[in-house]
Amino acid sequence: MSKYLFTADFEINASKKMLYPYLYSASGLAQWMADDVMIDEDKVFNFIWDDEDHKAKLVSHRTNNYVKFEFVPETDEDEEDPAFFELRLEMNELTQSVFLKVSDYSDMDDTEELYDLWSGLVDNLKETVGG
């Protein structure tokens, strides 16, 4: 089964510096993205949604700019083409607005459903940071 790349931009009224800890740390992510997020001794993040574990590694990041999590492969196919999500903070220089650019590479191919899912998560983040 092939994977699909979903991308969307969401405006958030908060600074990149204020938002970044909510994207990078387990405690920050747990406040808006998942039911809970924990990190084990190997620095593998465990995202818990609906009592299911989803393990991911932070494969790249740049402070106050972006994070990229790659899900730990469960099958040989996943090993060759791992699912990931990337959260990137972008500034519109003209308006000074901050946008969260979401890239979600997964088996899910329903664009509308993915947009609703991420829109709801970003609304949680906005509520959390007051943006």
C-alpha atoms as a PDB file:
ATOM      1  CA  MET A   1       0.000   0.000   0.000  1.00  0.00           C
ATOM      2  CA  SER A   2       1.467   3.328  -0.990  1.00  0.00           C
ATOM      3  CA  LYS A   3       1.645   6.343   1.261  1.00  0.00           C
ATOM      4  CA  TYR A   4       0.347   9.855   0.663  1.00  0.00           C
ATOM      5  CA  LEU A   5       1.774  13.236   1.565  1.00  0.00           C
ATOM      6  CA  PHE A   6      -0.683  15.677   3.098  1.00  0.00           C
ATOM      7  CA  THR A   7       0.348  19.281   3.717  1.00  0.00           C
ATOM      8  CA  ALA A   8      -1.531  22.215   5.213  1.00  0.00           C
ATOM      9  CA  ASP A   9      -0.733  25.615   6.705  1.00  0.00           C
ATOM     10  CA  PHE A  10      -2.386  26.980   9.842  1.00  0.00           C
ATOM     11  CA  GLU A  11      -1.944  30.529  11.118  1.00  0.00           C
ATOM     12  CA  ILE A  12      -1.174  30.807  14.824  1.00  0.00           C
ATOM     13  CA  ASN A  13      -0.988  34.068  16.771  1.00  0.00           C
ATOM     14  CA  ALA A  14       2.107  33.231  18.788  1.00  0.00           C
ATOM     15  CA  SER A  15       5.849  33.566  18.301  1.00  0.00           C
ATOM     16  CA  LYS A  16       7.993  30.750  16.929  1.00  0.00           C
ATOM     17  CA  LYS A  17       9.981  30.786  20.175  1.00  0.00           C
ATOM     18  CA  MET A  18       6.806  30.295  22.219  1.00  0.00           C
ATOM     19  CA  LEU A  19       5.443  27.525  19.966  1.00  0.00           C
ATOM     20  CA  TYR A  20       8.579  25.433  19.520  1.00  0.00           C
ATOM     21  CA  PRO A  21       8.533  23.682  22.949  1.00  0.00           C
ATOM     22  CA  TYR A  22       5.026  22.423  22.096  1.00  0.00           C
ATOM     23  CA  LEU A  23       6.426  20.742  18.973  1.00  0.00           C
ATOM     24  CA  TYR A  24       9.707  19.434  20.351  1.00  0.00           C
ATOM     25  CA  SER A  25       9.105  18.148  23.882  1.00  0.00           C
ATOM     26  CA  ALA A  26       7.025  15.161  24.968  1.00  0.00           C
ATOM     27  CA  SER A  27       5.247  17.239  27.598  1.00  0.00           C
ATOM     28  CA  GLY A  28       4.487  19.970  25.057  1.00  0.00           C
ATOM     29  CA  LEU A  29       3.196  17.498  22.456  1.00  0.00           C
ATOM     30  CA  ALA A  30       1.053  15.741  25.078  1.00  0.00           C
ATOM     31  CA  GLN A  31      -0.786  19.003  25.774  1.00  0.00           C
ATOM     32  CA  TRP A  32      -2.294  19.255  22.286  1.00  0.00           C
ATOM     33  CA  MET A  33      -1.437  16.404  19.952  1.00  0.00           C
ATOM     34  CA  ALA A  34      -2.015  13.081  21.690  1.00  0.00           C
ATOM     35  CA  ASP A  35      -3.662  11.560  24.734  1.00  0.00           C
ATOM     36  CA  ASP A  36      -0.120  11.234  26.116  1.00  0.00           C
ATOM     37  CA  VAL A  37       3.470  11.344  24.856  1.00  0.00           C
ATOM     38  CA  MET A  38       6.421   9.722  26.581  1.00  0.00           C
ATOM     39  CA  ILE A  39      10.095   9.303  25.700  1.00  0.00           C
ATOM     40  CA  ASP A  40      12.016   6.129  26.494  1.00  0.00           C
ATOM     41  CA  GLU A  41      15.734   5.804  27.277  1.00  0.00           C
ATOM     42  CA  ASP A  42      16.516   5.394  23.534  1.00  0.00           C
ATOM     43  CA  LYS A  43      14.851   8.774  22.852  1.00  0.00           C
ATOM     44  CA  VAL A  44      11.932   7.115  21.087  1.00  0.00           C
ATOM     45  CA  PHE A  45       8.713   9.105  21.469  1.00  0.00           C
ATOM     46  CA  ASN A  46       5.601   7.082  22.241  1.00  0.00           C
ATOM     47  CA  PHE A  47       2.485   8.895  21.028  1.00  0.00           C
ATOM     48  CA  ILE A  48      -0.631   7.415  22.617  1.00  0.00           C
ATOM     49  CA  TRP A  49      -3.916   7.860  20.755  1.00  0.00           C
ATOM     50  CA  ASP A  50      -7.051   5.935  21.816  1.00  0.00           C
ATOM     51  CA  ASP A  51      -4.987   3.607  24.060  1.00  0.00           C
ATOM     52  CA  GLU A  52      -2.710   2.646  21.130  1.00  0.00           C
ATOM     53  CA  ASP A  53       1.051   3.182  21.111  1.00  0.00           C
ATOM     54  CA  HIS A  54       2.654   4.813  18.092  1.00  0.00           C
ATOM     55  CA  LYS A  55       6.435   4.986  18.399  1.00  0.00           C
ATOM     56  CA  ALA A  56       8.402   7.609  16.499  1.00  0.00           C
ATOM     57  CA  LYS A  57      11.935   8.969  16.466  1.00  0.00           C
ATOM     58  CA  LEU A  58      12.801  12.629  16.239  1.00  0.00           C
ATOM     59  CA  VAL A  59      14.898  12.372  13.062  1.00  0.00           C
ATOM     60  CA  SER A  60      15.615  16.063  12.557  1.00  0.00           C
ATOM     61  CA  HIS A  61      14.895  19.428  14.129  1.00  0.00           C
ATOM     62  CA  ARG A  62      16.052  22.994  14.154  1.00  0.00           C
ATOM     63  CA  THR A  63      15.353  25.079  17.233  1.00  0.00           C
ATOM     64  CA  ASN A  64      12.396  27.437  16.759  1.00  0.00           C
ATOM     65  CA  ASN A  65      11.944  26.227  13.154  1.00  0.00           C
ATOM     66  CA  TYR A  66      10.864  22.618  12.667  1.00  0.00           C
ATOM     67  CA  VAL A  67      10.683  19.046  13.940  1.00  0.00           C
ATOM     68  CA  LYS A  68      10.365  15.826  11.963  1.00  0.00           C
ATOM     69  CA  PHE A  69       9.205  12.566  13.539  1.00  0.00           C
ATOM     70  CA  GLU A  70       9.557   9.262  11.688  1.00  0.00           C
ATOM     71  CA  PHE A  71       7.400   6.388  12.872  1.00  0.00           C
ATOM     72  CA  VAL A  72       9.250   3.216  13.865  1.00  0.00           C
ATOM     73  CA  PRO A  73       8.621   0.699  11.055  1.00  0.00           C
ATOM     74  CA  GLU A  74       6.296  -2.204  11.853  1.00  0.00           C
ATOM     75  CA  THR A  75       6.598  -4.018   8.496  1.00  0.00           C
ATOM     76  CA  ASP A  76       9.247  -4.492   5.792  1.00  0.00           C
ATOM     77  CA  GLU A  77       7.307  -2.096   3.581  1.00  0.00           C
ATOM     78  CA  ASP A  78       7.400   0.553   6.334  1.00  0.00           C
ATOM     79  CA  GLU A  79      11.139  -0.055   6.669  1.00  0.00           C
ATOM     80  CA  GLU A  80      11.653   0.987   3.022  1.00  0.00           C
ATOM     81  CA  ASP A  81       9.133   3.846   3.088  1.00  0.00           C
ATOM     82  CA  PRO A  82       8.580   5.025   6.682  1.00  0.00           C
ATOM     83  CA  ALA A  83       5.624   7.206   7.666  1.00  0.00           C
ATOM     84  CA  PHE A  84       6.475  10.590   9.170  1.00  0.00           C
ATOM     85  CA  PHE A  85       5.115  13.957  10.124  1.00  0.00           C
ATOM     86  CA  GLU A  86       6.894  17.269  10.070  1.00  0.00           C
ATOM     87  CA  LEU A  87       5.845  20.442  11.853  1.00  0.00           C
ATOM     88  CA  ARG A  88       7.459  23.580  10.476  1.00  0.00           C
ATOM     89  CA  LEU A  89       7.117  27.114  11.856  1.00  0.00           C
ATOM     90  CA  GLU A  90       7.166  29.725   9.098  1.00  0.00           C
ATOM     91  CA  MET A  91       6.993  33.492   9.362  1.00  0.00           C
ATOM     92  CA  ASN A  92       5.294  35.649   6.767  1.00  0.00           C
ATOM     93  CA  GLU A  93       7.713  38.584   6.642  1.00  0.00           C
ATOM     94  CA  LEU A  94       5.086  40.938   5.221  1.00  0.00           C
ATOM     95  CA  THR A  95       2.382  40.368   7.845  1.00  0.00           C
ATOM     96  CA  GLN A  96       4.634  39.030  10.642  1.00  0.00           C
ATOM     97  CA  SER A  97       2.190  36.118  10.984  1.00  0.00           C
ATOM     98  CA  VAL A  98       3.428  32.712  12.125  1.00  0.00           C
ATOM     99  CA  PHE A  99       2.179  29.626  10.297  1.00  0.00           C
ATOM    100  CA  LEU A 100       2.434  26.000  11.313  1.00  0.00           C
ATOM    101  CA  LYS A 101       3.064  23.976   8.164  1.00  0.00           C
ATOM    102  CA  VAL A 102       2.077  20.333   8.667  1.00  0.00           C
ATOM    103  CA  SER A 103       3.415  17.559   6.435  1.00  0.00           C
ATOM    104  CA  ASP A 104       1.899  14.148   7.162  1.00  0.00           C
ATOM    105  CA  TYR A 105       3.177  11.175   5.155  1.00  0.00           C
ATOM    106  CA  SER A 106       1.064   8.116   5.931  1.00  0.00           C
ATOM    107  CA  ASP A 107      -1.300   5.416   4.635  1.00  0.00           C
ATOM    108  CA  MET A 108      -4.264   7.741   5.115  1.00  0.00           C
ATOM    109  CA  ASP A 109      -5.341   9.205   1.765  1.00  0.00           C
ATOM    110  CA  ASP A 110      -8.556  11.043   2.681  1.00  0.00           C
ATOM    111  CA  THR A 111      -7.473  14.677   2.360  1.00  0.00           C
ATOM    112  CA  GLU A 112     -10.643  16.037   3.931  1.00  0.00           C
ATOM    113  CA  GLU A 113     -10.368  13.728   6.942  1.00  0.00           C
ATOM    114  CA  LEU A 114      -6.675  14.593   7.379  1.00  0.00           C
ATOM    115  CA  TYR A 115      -7.440  18.302   7.173  1.00  0.00           C
ATOM    116  CA  ASP A 116     -10.163  17.938   9.819  1.00  0.00           C
ATOM    117  CA  LEU A 117      -7.823  15.911  12.042  1.00  0.00           C
ATOM    118  CA  TRP A 118      -4.936  18.393  11.848  1.00  0.00           C
ATOM    119  CA  SER A 119      -7.245  21.392  12.044  1.00  0.00           C
ATOM    120  CA  GLY A 120      -8.643  20.023  15.324  1.00  0.00           C
ATOM    121  CA  LEU A 121      -5.147  19.350  16.671  1.00  0.00           C
ATOM    122  CA  VAL A 122      -3.956  22.836  15.742  1.00  0.00           C
ATOM    123  CA  ASP A 123      -7.068  24.291  17.403  1.00  0.00           C
ATOM    124  CA  ASN A 124      -5.983  22.422  20.573  1.00  0.00           C
ATOM    125  CA  LEU A 125      -2.516  23.963  20.223  1.00  0.00           C
ATOM    126  CA  LYS A 126      -3.974  27.456  19.751  1.00  0.00           C
ATOM    127  CA  GLU A 127      -6.102  26.999  22.859  1.00  0.00           C
ATOM    128  CA  THR A 128      -3.078  25.783  24.815  1.00  0.00           C
ATOM    129  CA  VAL A 129      -0.837  28.707  23.861  1.00  0.00           C
ATOM    130  CA  GLY A 130      -3.605  31.288  23.734  1.00  0.00           C
ATOM    131  CA  GLY A 131      -3.012  31.987  20.035  1.00  0.00           C
END
